[in-house]
C-alpha atoms as a PDB file:
ATOM      1  CA  MET A   1       0.000   0.000   0.000  1.00  0.00           C
ATOM      2  CA  SER A   2       1.428   3.387  -0.951  1.00  0.00           C
ATOM      3  CA  ASP A   3       1.338   6.539   1.094  1.00  0.00           C
ATOM      4  CA  THR A   4      -0.618   9.194  -0.810  1.00  0.00           C
ATOM      5  CA  ARG A   5       0.414  12.035   1.502  1.00  0.00           C
ATOM      6  CA  GLY A   6       3.228  14.305   0.469  1.00  0.00           C
ATOM      7  CA  TYR A   7       5.335  14.507  -2.642  1.00  0.00           C
ATOM      8  CA  HIS A   8       6.192  11.418  -4.706  1.00  0.00           C
ATOM      9  CA  HIS A   9       7.125  12.269  -8.290  1.00  0.00           C
ATOM     10  CA  GLY A  10       7.574  15.054 -10.788  1.00  0.00           C
ATOM     11  CA  ASP A  11       9.544  18.265 -10.588  1.00  0.00           C
ATOM     12  CA  LEU A  12      10.422  18.679  -6.905  1.00  0.00           C
ATOM     13  CA  ARG A  13      12.266  21.957  -7.469  1.00  0.00           C
ATOM     14  CA  ARG A  14       9.166  23.484  -9.059  1.00  0.00           C
ATOM     15  CA  THR A  15       6.957  22.102  -6.289  1.00  0.00           C
ATOM     16  CA  LEU A  16       9.221  23.667  -3.666  1.00  0.00           C
ATOM     17  CA  LEU A  17       9.276  27.019  -5.461  1.00  0.00           C
ATOM     18  CA  THR A  18       5.488  27.023  -5.760  1.00  0.00           C
ATOM     19  CA  ALA A  19       5.105  26.214  -2.066  1.00  0.00           C
ATOM     20  CA  ALA A  20       7.626  28.923  -1.144  1.00  0.00           C
ATOM     21  CA  VAL A  21       5.833  31.559  -3.210  1.00  0.00           C
ATOM     22  CA  GLN A  22       2.550  30.581  -1.589  1.00  0.00           C
ATOM     23  CA  ALA A  23       4.102  30.859   1.887  1.00  0.00           C
ATOM     24  CA  ILE A  24       5.556  34.288   1.086  1.00  0.00           C
ATOM     25  CA  GLU A  25       2.163  35.480  -0.173  1.00  0.00           C
ATOM     26  CA  GLU A  26       0.623  34.390   3.126  1.00  0.00           C
ATOM     27  CA  SER A  27       3.245  35.548   5.626  1.00  0.00           C
ATOM     28  CA  GLY A  28       6.040  37.422   3.860  1.00  0.00           C
ATOM     29  CA  PRO A  29       9.606  36.283   3.226  1.00  0.00           C
ATOM     30  CA  ALA A  30      10.800  36.709   6.820  1.00  0.00           C
ATOM     31  CA  ALA A  31       8.532  33.918   8.068  1.00  0.00           C
ATOM     32  CA  LEU A  32       9.711  31.306   5.552  1.00  0.00           C
ATOM     33  CA  SER A  33      12.097  28.589   6.705  1.00  0.00           C
ATOM     34  CA  LEU A  34      13.347  25.560   4.794  1.00  0.00           C
ATOM     35  CA  ARG A  35      11.755  23.326   7.439  1.00  0.00           C
ATOM     36  CA  ASP A  36       8.358  25.024   6.942  1.00  0.00           C
ATOM     37  CA  LEU A  37       8.788  24.754   3.191  1.00  0.00           C
ATOM     38  CA  ALA A  38       9.465  21.008   3.464  1.00  0.00           C
ATOM     39  CA  ARG A  39       6.351  20.576   5.598  1.00  0.00           C
ATOM     40  CA  ARG A  40       4.219  22.540   3.120  1.00  0.00           C
ATOM     41  CA  ALA A  41       5.514  20.513   0.172  1.00  0.00           C
ATOM     42  CA  GLY A  42       5.176  17.212   2.025  1.00  0.00           C
ATOM     43  CA  VAL A  43       8.833  16.272   1.621  1.00  0.00           C
ATOM     44  CA  SER A  44      11.725  15.458   3.926  1.00  0.00           C
ATOM     45  CA  HIS A  45      13.344  18.323   5.807  1.00  0.00           C
ATOM     46  CA  ALA A  46      16.499  17.777   3.746  1.00  0.00           C
ATOM     47  CA  ALA A  47      14.815  18.178   0.330  1.00  0.00           C
ATOM     48  CA  PRO A  48      14.806  22.011   0.160  1.00  0.00           C
ATOM     49  CA  ALA A  49      18.451  22.177   1.258  1.00  0.00           C
ATOM     50  CA  HIS A  50      19.338  19.593  -1.381  1.00  0.00           C
ATOM     51  CA  HIS A  51      17.850  21.792  -4.130  1.00  0.00           C
ATOM     52  CA  PHE A  52      18.697  25.285  -2.873  1.00  0.00           C
ATOM     53  CA  GLY A  53      21.406  24.900  -0.246  1.00  0.00           C
ATOM     54  CA  ASP A  54      19.937  27.437   2.162  1.00  0.00           C
ATOM     55  CA  ARG A  55      17.336  30.200   2.443  1.00  0.00           C
ATOM     56  CA  ALA A  56      19.433  32.571   0.334  1.00  0.00           C
ATOM     57  CA  GLY A  57      19.601  29.944  -2.400  1.00  0.00           C
ATOM     58  CA  LEU A  58      15.824  29.497  -2.269  1.00  0.00           C
ATOM     59  CA  PHE A  59      15.232  33.246  -2.432  1.00  0.00           C
ATOM     60  CA  THR A  60      17.737  33.517  -5.301  1.00  0.00           C
ATOM     61  CA  ALA A  61      15.754  30.927  -7.272  1.00  0.00           C
ATOM     62  CA  ILE A  62      12.518  32.829  -6.535  1.00  0.00           C
ATOM     63  CA  ALA A  63      14.131  36.097  -7.678  1.00  0.00           C
ATOM     64  CA  VAL A  64      15.361  34.456 -10.910  1.00  0.00           C
ATOM     65  CA  GLN A  65      11.861  33.126 -11.553  1.00  0.00           C
ATOM     66  CA  GLY A  66      10.451  36.582 -10.821  1.00  0.00           C
ATOM     67  CA  PHE A  67      12.785  38.461 -13.147  1.00  0.00           C
ATOM     68  CA  ASP A  68      12.105  35.963 -15.944  1.00  0.00           C
ATOM     69  CA  THR A  69       8.353  36.331 -15.424  1.00  0.00           C
ATOM     70  CA  LEU A  70       8.718  40.114 -15.384  1.00  0.00           C
ATOM     71  CA  ALA A  71      10.734  40.042 -18.628  1.00  0.00           C
ATOM     72  CA  ALA A  72       7.990  37.977 -20.289  1.00  0.00           C
ATOM     73  CA  ALA A  73       5.260  40.328 -19.018  1.00  0.00           C
ATOM     74  CA  LEU A  74       7.142  43.380 -20.266  1.00  0.00           C
ATOM     75  CA  ALA A  75       7.831  41.757 -23.642  1.00  0.00           C
ATOM     76  CA  GLU A  76       4.112  40.990 -24.063  1.00  0.00           C
ATOM     77  CA  ALA A  77       3.241  44.618 -23.289  1.00  0.00           C
ATOM     78  CA  GLY A  78       4.816  45.897 -26.506  1.00  0.00           C
ATOM     79  CA  ASP A  79       7.077  48.862 -27.185  1.00  0.00           C
ATOM     80  CA  GLU A  80       5.114  51.737 -25.680  1.00  0.00           C
ATOM     81  CA  LEU A  81       6.626  52.995 -22.450  1.00  0.00           C
ATOM     82  CA  LEU A  82       3.200  53.593 -20.893  1.00  0.00           C
ATOM     83  CA  ASP A  83       2.197  49.972 -21.554  1.00  0.00           C
ATOM     84  CA  LEU A  84       5.505  48.732 -20.149  1.00  0.00           C
ATOM     85  CA  GLY A  85       4.923  50.732 -16.980  1.00  0.00           C
ATOM     86  CA  VAL A  86       1.420  49.323 -16.570  1.00  0.00           C
ATOM     87  CA  ALA A  87       2.714  45.788 -17.187  1.00  0.00           C
ATOM     88  CA  TYR A  88       5.351  46.315 -14.487  1.00  0.00           C
ATOM     89  CA  VAL A  89       2.735  47.373 -11.929  1.00  0.00           C
ATOM     90  CA  GLU A  90       0.423  44.509 -12.896  1.00  0.00           C
ATOM     91  CA  PHE A  91       3.309  42.056 -12.536  1.00  0.00           C
ATOM     92  CA  ALA A  92       4.033  43.377  -9.029  1.00  0.00           C
ATOM     93  CA  VAL A  93       0.403  42.924  -8.001  1.00  0.00           C
ATOM     94  CA  ARG A  94      -0.042  39.479  -9.572  1.00  0.00           C
ATOM     95  CA  HIS A  95       3.339  38.174  -8.397  1.00  0.00           C
ATOM     96  CA  ARG A  96       3.655  39.926  -5.074  1.00  0.00           C
ATOM     97  CA  ALA A  97       5.820  37.230  -3.475  1.00  0.00           C
ATOM     98  CA  HIS A  98       8.341  37.381  -6.305  1.00  0.00           C
ATOM     99  CA  PHE A  99       8.290  41.185  -6.236  1.00  0.00           C
ATOM    100  CA  GLU A 100       8.964  41.199  -2.484  1.00  0.00           C
ATOM    101  CA  VAL A 101      12.033  38.977  -2.937  1.00  0.00           C
ATOM    102  CA  MET A 102      13.443  40.350  -6.201  1.00  0.00           C
ATOM    103  CA  PHE A 103      14.324  43.772  -4.886  1.00  0.00           C
ATOM    104  CA  HIS A 104      15.677  42.750  -1.484  1.00  0.00           C
ATOM    105  CA  PRO A 105      19.313  41.760  -2.009  1.00  0.00           C
ATOM    106  CA  ASP A 106      19.561  41.015   1.706  1.00  0.00           C
ATOM    107  CA  LEU A 107      17.381  37.952   1.023  1.00  0.00           C
ATOM    108  CA  HIS A 108      19.112  36.461  -2.018  1.00  0.00           C
ATOM    109  CA  ARG A 109      22.536  36.201  -3.602  1.00  0.00           C
ATOM    110  CA  ALA A 110      22.634  39.367  -5.695  1.00  0.00           C
ATOM    111  CA  ASP A 111      25.904  38.275  -7.324  1.00  0.00           C
ATOM    112  CA  ASP A 112      24.490  34.940  -8.557  1.00  0.00           C
ATOM    113  CA  ALA A 113      25.175  34.603 -12.312  1.00  0.00           C
ATOM    114  CA  GLU A 114      21.715  33.232 -13.125  1.00  0.00           C
ATOM    115  CA  LEU A 115      20.080  36.051 -11.153  1.00  0.00           C
ATOM    116  CA  ARG A 116      22.219  38.709 -12.839  1.00  0.00           C
ATOM    117  CA  ALA A 117      21.280  37.297 -16.258  1.00  0.00           C
ATOM    118  CA  ALA A 118      17.558  37.234 -15.414  1.00  0.00           C
ATOM    119  CA  ARG A 119      17.729  40.804 -14.071  1.00  0.00           C
ATOM    120  CA  GLU A 120      19.496  41.890 -17.248  1.00  0.00           C
ATOM    121  CA  ARG A 121      16.798  40.273 -19.448  1.00  0.00           C
ATOM    122  CA  SER A 122      14.034  42.238 -17.733  1.00  0.00           C
ATOM    123  CA  GLY A 123      16.095  45.437 -17.818  1.00  0.00           C
ATOM    124  CA  ALA A 124      16.774  44.993 -21.527  1.00  0.00           C
ATOM    125  CA  VAL A 125      13.040  44.999 -22.280  1.00  0.00           C
ATOM    126  CA  LEU A 126      12.579  48.238 -20.338  1.00  0.00           C
ATOM    127  CA  ARG A 127      15.571  49.837 -22.089  1.00  0.00           C
ATOM    128  CA  ALA A 128      14.138  48.796 -25.468  1.00  0.00           C
ATOM    129  CA  GLY A 129      10.842  50.465 -24.550  1.00  0.00           C
ATOM    130  CA  LEU A 130      12.668  53.667 -23.728  1.00  0.00           C
ATOM    131  CA  ALA A 131      14.450  53.524 -27.081  1.00  0.00           C
ATOM    132  CA  HIS A 132      11.088  53.331 -28.899  1.00  0.00           C
ATOM    133  CA  ARG A 133       9.374  56.164 -27.105  1.00  0.00           C
ATOM    134  CA  SER A 134       8.643  59.533 -28.608  1.00  0.00           C
ATOM    135  CA  ALA A 135      11.386  62.120 -28.558  1.00  0.00           C
ATOM    136  CA  ARG A 136      11.665  64.057 -25.311  1.00  0.00           C
ATOM    137  CA  PRO A 137      11.396  67.800 -25.426  1.00  0.00           C
ATOM    138  CA  GLU A 138      14.657  67.912 -23.456  1.00  0.00           C
ATOM    139  CA  PRO A 139      17.179  65.027 -23.470  1.00  0.00           C
ATOM    140  CA  ALA A 140      18.309  63.727 -20.094  1.00  0.00           C
ATOM    141  CA  ALA A 141      21.662  65.143 -19.030  1.00  0.00           C
ATOM    142  CA  ASP A 142      22.809  61.712 -17.897  1.00  0.00           C
ATOM    143  CA  GLY A 143      21.674  60.013 -21.111  1.00  0.00           C
ATOM    144  CA  PRO A 144      19.687  56.809 -21.560  1.00  0.00           C
ATOM    145  CA  GLN A 145      20.749  55.352 -18.196  1.00  0.00           C
ATOM    146  CA  GLY A 146      19.089  58.289 -16.444  1.00  0.00           C
ATOM    147  CA  ASP A 147      15.891  57.687 -18.416  1.00  0.00           C
ATOM    148  CA  VAL A 148      15.924  54.000 -17.446  1.00  0.00           C
ATOM    149  CA  LEU A 149      16.397  54.840 -13.784  1.00  0.00           C
ATOM    150  CA  ALA A 150      13.646  57.479 -13.877  1.00  0.00           C
ATOM    151  CA  ALA A 151      11.135  55.180 -15.586  1.00  0.00           C
ATOM    152  CA  TRP A 152      11.923  52.258 -13.307  1.00  0.00           C
ATOM    153  CA  SER A 153      11.748  54.436 -10.193  1.00  0.00           C
ATOM    154  CA  ILE A 154       8.339  55.779 -11.159  1.00  0.00           C
ATOM    155  CA  VAL A 155       6.698  52.424 -11.882  1.00  0.00           C
ATOM    156  CA  HIS A 156       8.453  50.602  -9.045  1.00  0.00           C
ATOM    157  CA  GLY A 157       7.447  53.323  -6.624  1.00  0.00           C
ATOM    158  CA  PHE A 158       3.841  53.194  -7.788  1.00  0.00           C
ATOM    159  CA  ALA A 159       3.774  49.389  -7.488  1.00  0.00           C
ATOM    160  CA  THR A 160       5.294  49.505  -4.008  1.00  0.00           C
ATOM    161  CA  LEU A 161       2.818  52.146  -2.842  1.00  0.00           C
ATOM    162  CA  TRP A 162      -0.094  50.171  -4.326  1.00  0.00           C
ATOM    163  CA  LEU A 163       0.966  46.968  -2.573  1.00  0.00           C
ATOM    164  CA  ALA A 164       1.382  48.829   0.726  1.00  0.00           C
ATOM    165  CA  GLY A 165      -2.097  50.326   0.415  1.00  0.00           C
ATOM    166  CA  ALA A 166      -0.548  53.788   0.688  1.00  0.00           C
ATOM    167  CA  LEU A 167      -2.188  55.409  -2.354  1.00  0.00           C
ATOM    168  CA  PRO A 168      -5.346  57.517  -2.188  1.00  0.00           C
ATOM    169  CA  ALA A 169      -8.585  55.516  -2.213  1.00  0.00           C
ATOM    170  CA  GLY A 170      -9.919  57.422  -5.219  1.00  0.00           C
ATOM    171  CA  LEU A 171      -7.650  55.538  -7.631  1.00  0.00           C
ATOM    172  CA  GLY A 172     -10.066  52.589  -7.771  1.00  0.00           C
ATOM    173  CA  GLU A 173      -9.560  48.854  -7.489  1.00  0.00           C
ATOM    174  CA  ASP A 174      -7.730  48.172 -10.773  1.00  0.00           C
ATOM    175  CA  PRO A 175      -3.967  48.664 -10.339  1.00  0.00           C
ATOM    176  CA  GLY A 176      -3.354  48.659 -14.101  1.00  0.00           C
ATOM    177  CA  ALA A 177      -5.921  51.376 -14.784  1.00  0.00           C
ATOM    178  CA  ALA A 178      -4.701  53.441 -11.836  1.00  0.00           C
ATOM    179  CA  ALA A 179      -1.096  53.076 -12.961  1.00  0.00           C
ATOM    180  CA  ARG A 180      -2.002  54.014 -16.538  1.00  0.00           C
ATOM    181  CA  SER A 181      -3.657  57.203 -15.315  1.00  0.00           C
ATOM    182  CA  VAL A 182      -0.698  58.221 -13.158  1.00  0.00           C
ATOM    183  CA  ILE A 183       2.077  57.149 -15.534  1.00  0.00           C
ATOM    184  CA  ARG A 184       0.395  58.872 -18.477  1.00  0.00           C
ATOM    185  CA  HIS A 185       1.028  62.224 -16.758  1.00  0.00           C
ATOM    186  CA  LEU A 186       4.747  61.564 -16.747  1.00  0.00           C
ATOM    187  CA  PHE A 187       5.414  59.681 -19.968  1.00  0.00           C
ATOM    188  CA  THR A 188       3.096  61.460 -22.372  1.00  0.00           C
ATOM    189  CA  PRO A 189       4.470  64.686 -23.853  1.00  0.00           C
ATOM    190  CA  ALA A 190       2.427  67.768 -22.988  1.00  0.00           C
ATOM    191  CA  ALA A 191       0.478  69.378 -25.822  1.00  0.00           C
ATOM    192  CA  GLY A 192       2.731  71.460 -28.015  1.00  0.00           C
ATOM    193  CA  THR A 193       6.002  69.757 -26.963  1.00  0.00           C
ATOM    194  CA  ASP A 194       6.273  67.200 -29.734  1.00  0.00           C
END
């Protein structure tokens, strides 16, 4: 007779990542331990350590997964900077656990080669969107890197404020629509400037 409890076959790494993301969504990254993760996934206490080494390894894998998912979401949004900004905010809301881990280098191994490559892939999509946007009335003094930092700061800040519940109630319940309204003010040239 076989035991039907717990994990028995398939992609254990994926199962562990899914369970970890679920735990982070429920309680935040600080509450997650490898022992709790093993219990949630129905595997031995040694299984998460076998796949990830330690908590930092687990969070690094979650961050890689997050940056790859973000790159795909941005790529699907198209070339318009406004649409990229909205896609970024929608990613943050839909993948809150990933978002919480991705931008906290104290949780993961920021120097991990796979993580650096995934971060670069998502950044490349944002930089491509900036390259396709309409001409600015006044070029940035610090060049394209300054534009990338400004665009990222705006959408990341909006996403962070949305997730914290710190934005005014009048923005509505749809984070994408609210982001579009706010971002449009910053990324759309004023009448007579184009």
